[in-house]
Amino acid sequence: MNKLKTTLFAICSLVLVNVGTAIADSGNFAGPYLGLTISGYGMSLDGQSSATSTDTAGDGQVTETDEVPIGATTPVSGFEVGYALPMGTNFLLDVGAAYYTGEAKLDHMGDDSDSIRKVSFKIDDLRAAYIAPTVVLSDTSSLYVKMGISEADVTVSGDITSPANLSGRTWGLGTRTVLDSGIFIRTEAGYTEYNGISAHGKGTTIQQTTAYSVEPTLAYGTVSLGFRF
């Protein structure tokens, strides 16, 4: 992910250095907009569970840890709203928000495959707020780098506590093409790094000393079709 972030900044810097060569007017892209999005999400969930119990000899505590890596890819849809503020002849600052439906799920089963001790983390209802410095390349096309904050809901099933919802940072790189009619097409690729979430057993079927944690990372590709007012 660090390599991708470095690449995004390098491309942005290169474009900004050469911004003086652009002859298009940022006014063609300025103003409020509304778009519908179709995205492909690839989510990596690095999960871990650990249980502490007394050993058979009664000499102390034994901690057992299981690593549970999992990847999930799913199509999602959503919408975005925003406003592109002209900051000069060929530069804009795009400010907006987006909402996406879709989910990713992590299941963990006890070592004895006991369904009573099965737990699940489900991540859905992704939301983001962003700013996107944008360089106008021609009368109809522009290039931008996106930086934002993202949130997602987390629900669990099984005899475990409910963790807080996810929050993280989003980085993206994209293009936006605007027609004379105001219709635009946006293509974008990027990723979101979320904070870790954790839970532990409630003590009914899963001991309170059993802990679970998940650290999600999301990579995405998005196509948006919308209208600039």
Protein backbone atom coordinates (compact mmCIF):
# COMPACT_ATOMS: atom_id res chain seq x y z
CA MET A 1 0.00 0.00 0.00
CA ASN A 2 2.88 2.36 0.69
CA LYS A 3 4.10 1.82 -2.88
CA LEU A 4 0.67 2.71 -4.26
CA LYS A 5 0.51 5.85 -2.09
CA THR A 6 3.96 6.93 -3.31
CA THR A 7 2.91 6.39 -6.92
CA LEU A 8 -0.24 8.50 -6.47
CA PHE A 9 1.73 11.41 -5.04
CA ALA A 10 4.38 11.13 -7.76
CA ILE A 11 1.76 11.31 -10.52
CA CYS A 12 0.06 14.27 -8.84
CA SER A 13 3.36 16.13 -8.48
CA LEU A 14 4.26 15.52 -12.12
CA VAL A 15 0.91 16.86 -13.31
CA LEU A 16 1.12 19.94 -11.10
CA VAL A 17 4.63 20.72 -12.34
CA ASN A 18 3.32 20.73 -15.90
CA VAL A 19 0.03 22.47 -15.17
CA GLY A 20 1.17 25.60 -16.97
CA THR A 21 0.91 23.79 -20.29
CA ALA A 22 -2.83 23.25 -19.95
CA ILE A 23 -5.00 25.67 -21.90
CA ALA A 24 -8.47 24.50 -20.86
CA ASP A 25 -10.84 26.46 -18.64
CA SER A 26 -11.67 25.03 -15.20
CA GLY A 27 -15.12 26.59 -15.50
CA ASN A 28 -16.16 23.67 -17.71
CA PHE A 29 -15.92 21.41 -14.65
CA ALA A 30 -16.96 23.77 -11.83
CA GLY A 31 -20.21 23.56 -9.90
CA PRO A 32 -22.36 21.02 -8.04
CA TYR A 33 -22.77 17.46 -9.31
CA LEU A 34 -24.58 14.21 -8.59
CA GLY A 35 -23.43 10.79 -9.74
CA LEU A 36 -24.35 7.10 -9.59
CA THR A 37 -21.47 4.67 -9.06
CA ILE A 38 -20.66 1.05 -9.80
CA SER A 39 -17.59 -0.30 -8.03
CA GLY A 40 -15.59 -3.46 -7.66
CA TYR A 41 -14.23 -3.92 -4.12
CA GLY A 42 -11.49 -6.26 -3.03
CA MET A 43 -11.26 -6.43 0.76
CA SER A 44 -8.50 -8.10 2.73
CA LEU A 45 -9.49 -9.01 6.28
CA ASP A 46 -6.59 -10.04 8.49
CA GLY A 47 -8.29 -11.70 11.44
CA GLN A 48 -6.99 -13.20 14.65
CA SER A 49 -8.51 -15.06 17.55
CA SER A 50 -6.85 -15.96 20.83
CA ALA A 51 -8.03 -17.94 23.85
CA THR A 52 -6.47 -18.16 27.30
CA SER A 53 -7.14 -21.14 29.57
CA THR A 54 -5.52 -23.08 32.42
CA ASP A 55 -3.21 -25.88 31.26
CA THR A 56 -3.90 -29.49 32.19
CA ALA A 57 -1.15 -29.52 34.84
CA GLY A 58 -2.59 -26.44 36.48
CA ASP A 59 0.76 -24.65 36.31
CA GLY A 60 -0.44 -21.48 34.62
CA GLN A 61 -2.19 -19.99 31.61
CA VAL A 62 -1.94 -21.17 28.02
CA THR A 63 -2.70 -18.77 25.14
CA GLU A 64 -3.69 -20.18 21.75
CA THR A 65 -3.76 -17.90 18.72
CA ASP A 66 -5.28 -18.53 15.29
CA GLU A 67 -4.55 -16.34 12.26
CA VAL A 68 -7.49 -16.00 9.87
CA PRO A 69 -6.56 -14.20 6.62
CA ILE A 70 -9.39 -13.85 4.12
CA GLY A 71 -10.04 -11.94 0.92
CA ALA A 72 -13.38 -11.00 -0.58
CA THR A 73 -14.31 -9.36 -3.89
CA THR A 74 -17.76 -7.96 -4.49
CA PRO A 75 -19.54 -5.48 -6.80
CA VAL A 76 -21.28 -2.57 -5.06
CA SER A 77 -23.35 0.41 -6.13
CA GLY A 78 -23.91 3.83 -4.64
CA PHE A 79 -24.06 7.56 -5.26
CA GLU A 80 -21.92 10.65 -4.79
CA VAL A 81 -22.62 14.36 -4.41
CA GLY A 82 -20.12 17.17 -4.50
CA TYR A 83 -19.01 20.58 -5.61
CA ALA A 84 -16.00 21.43 -7.77
CA LEU A 85 -14.52 24.80 -6.79
CA PRO A 86 -12.43 26.59 -9.44
CA MET A 87 -9.07 27.64 -7.99
CA GLY A 88 -7.58 29.13 -11.14
CA THR A 89 -7.65 28.78 -14.92
CA ASN A 90 -6.92 25.04 -14.92
CA PHE A 91 -7.15 23.89 -11.32
CA LEU A 92 -10.11 22.90 -9.11
CA LEU A 93 -10.74 21.59 -5.62
CA ASP A 94 -13.43 18.92 -5.65
CA VAL A 95 -15.23 18.44 -2.30
CA GLY A 96 -17.78 15.67 -1.94
CA ALA A 97 -19.30 12.69 -0.17
CA ALA A 98 -20.24 9.18 -1.26
CA TYR A 99 -22.30 6.24 -0.02
CA TYR A 100 -21.93 2.61 -1.15
CA THR A 101 -23.97 -0.52 -0.48
CA GLY A 102 -22.40 -3.97 -0.27
CA GLU A 103 -20.72 -6.09 2.37
CA ALA A 104 -17.74 -8.25 3.26
CA LYS A 105 -17.87 -10.98 5.87
CA LEU A 106 -15.38 -12.84 8.05
CA ASP A 107 -16.44 -16.12 9.66
CA HIS A 108 -14.50 -17.96 12.36
CA MET A 109 -15.37 -21.45 13.57
CA GLY A 110 -14.16 -23.17 16.75
CA ASP A 111 -11.42 -25.78 16.37
CA ASP A 112 -13.98 -28.54 16.83
CA SER A 113 -16.26 -27.04 14.13
CA ASP A 114 -18.86 -26.38 16.78
CA SER A 115 -21.49 -24.07 15.26
CA ILE A 116 -22.33 -22.78 18.74
CA ARG A 117 -18.93 -21.10 18.85
CA LYS A 118 -19.11 -19.73 15.31
CA VAL A 119 -18.67 -15.95 15.10
CA SER A 120 -18.99 -13.56 12.16
CA PHE A 121 -17.96 -9.97 11.43
CA LYS A 122 -19.96 -8.22 8.69
CA ILE A 123 -18.83 -4.89 7.20
CA ASP A 124 -21.33 -2.88 5.15
CA ASP A 125 -22.81 0.58 4.38
CA LEU A 126 -19.57 2.30 3.40
CA ARG A 127 -19.48 6.11 3.58
CA ALA A 128 -16.79 8.60 2.61
CA ALA A 129 -16.10 12.35 2.58
CA TYR A 130 -13.28 13.58 0.37
CA ILE A 131 -11.34 16.37 -1.26
CA ALA A 132 -9.80 15.91 -4.70
CA PRO A 133 -7.28 18.44 -6.11
CA THR A 134 -7.99 18.41 -9.84
CA VAL A 135 -5.98 19.50 -12.87
CA VAL A 136 -7.81 20.29 -16.13
CA LEU A 137 -6.12 18.57 -19.08
CA SER A 138 -8.47 19.65 -21.88
CA ASP A 139 -11.91 21.16 -22.42
CA THR A 140 -13.50 17.83 -21.49
CA SER A 141 -11.02 15.86 -19.34
CA SER A 142 -9.34 16.27 -15.96
CA LEU A 143 -7.12 14.29 -13.60
CA TYR A 144 -7.39 14.26 -9.81
CA VAL A 145 -5.93 12.78 -6.65
CA LYS A 146 -8.46 12.00 -3.91
CA MET A 147 -7.91 12.08 -0.15
CA GLY A 148 -10.71 11.31 2.26
CA ILE A 149 -12.02 9.75 5.43
CA SER A 150 -14.24 6.67 5.34
CA GLU A 151 -16.57 4.87 7.71
CA ALA A 152 -18.38 1.53 7.63
CA ASP A 153 -20.85 -0.27 9.87
CA VAL A 154 -19.80 -3.45 11.67
CA THR A 155 -22.24 -6.09 12.91
CA VAL A 156 -21.37 -9.37 14.60
CA SER A 157 -23.12 -12.66 15.22
CA GLY A 158 -22.27 -15.21 17.88
CA ASP A 159 -21.63 -14.98 21.59
CA ILE A 160 -19.25 -12.00 21.34
CA THR A 161 -19.38 -8.30 22.15
CA SER A 162 -20.14 -5.69 19.46
CA PRO A 163 -17.13 -3.60 18.36
CA ALA A 164 -17.16 0.03 17.28
CA ASN A 165 -17.74 0.86 13.62
CA LEU A 166 -14.83 1.18 11.23
CA SER A 167 -13.07 4.40 10.28
CA GLY A 168 -10.10 4.94 8.00
CA ARG A 169 -8.38 6.97 5.31
CA THR A 170 -8.95 6.74 1.56
CA TRP A 171 -6.52 7.51 -1.26
CA GLY A 172 -7.44 7.48 -4.94
CA LEU A 173 -6.47 8.54 -8.44
CA GLY A 174 -8.99 9.19 -11.18
CA THR A 175 -10.14 10.98 -14.31
CA ARG A 176 -13.32 12.94 -14.98
CA THR A 177 -14.73 13.64 -18.44
CA VAL A 178 -17.48 16.27 -18.74
CA LEU A 179 -19.60 16.74 -21.86
CA ASP A 180 -21.17 20.02 -23.00
CA SER A 181 -24.54 18.76 -21.77
CA GLY A 182 -23.20 18.50 -18.21
CA ILE A 183 -23.11 14.70 -18.17
CA PHE A 184 -19.83 13.35 -16.82
CA ILE A 185 -18.04 10.02 -16.55
CA ARG A 186 -15.59 9.44 -13.71
CA THR A 187 -13.17 6.52 -13.41
CA GLU A 188 -11.17 5.95 -10.24
CA ALA A 189 -8.94 3.45 -8.47
CA GLY A 190 -7.71 3.56 -4.89
CA TYR A 191 -7.73 1.97 -1.47
CA THR A 192 -8.88 2.51 2.12
CA GLU A 193 -6.98 1.51 5.25
CA TYR A 194 -9.34 1.00 8.19
CA ASN A 195 -8.59 0.91 11.89
CA GLY A 196 -8.62 -2.46 13.60
CA ILE A 197 -11.72 -3.73 15.40
CA SER A 198 -11.87 -6.24 18.25
CA ALA A 199 -14.36 -8.19 20.36
CA HIS A 200 -14.34 -10.87 23.04
CA GLY A 201 -16.63 -13.63 24.23
CA LYS A 202 -19.62 -12.81 26.42
CA GLY A 203 -19.18 -15.92 28.53
CA THR A 204 -22.23 -17.99 27.54
CA THR A 205 -20.83 -20.28 24.83
CA ILE A 206 -17.55 -18.40 24.28
CA GLN A 207 -15.27 -17.57 27.19
CA GLN A 208 -14.66 -13.91 27.99
CA THR A 209 -10.93 -14.62 27.72
CA THR A 210 -11.39 -15.45 24.00
CA ALA A 211 -10.64 -12.37 21.90
CA TYR A 212 -11.14 -11.66 18.18
CA SER A 213 -9.64 -8.89 16.05
CA VAL A 214 -9.90 -7.84 12.39
CA GLU A 215 -7.83 -5.33 10.37
CA PRO A 216 -9.55 -4.61 7.01
CA THR A 217 -7.93 -3.04 3.94
CA LEU A 218 -10.06 -2.26 0.89
CA ALA A 219 -8.93 -1.75 -2.73
CA TYR A 220 -11.46 -0.53 -5.27
CA GLY A 221 -12.16 0.48 -8.85
CA THR A 222 -15.13 2.75 -9.58
CA VAL A 223 -17.02 4.08 -12.59
CA SER A 224 -19.46 6.95 -12.06
CA LEU A 225 -22.05 8.43 -14.38
CA GLY A 226 -23.54 11.74 -13.32
CA PHE A 227 -24.56 15.27 -14.10
CA ARG A 228 -22.88 18.62 -13.40
CA PHE A 229 -25.45 21.33 -12.72
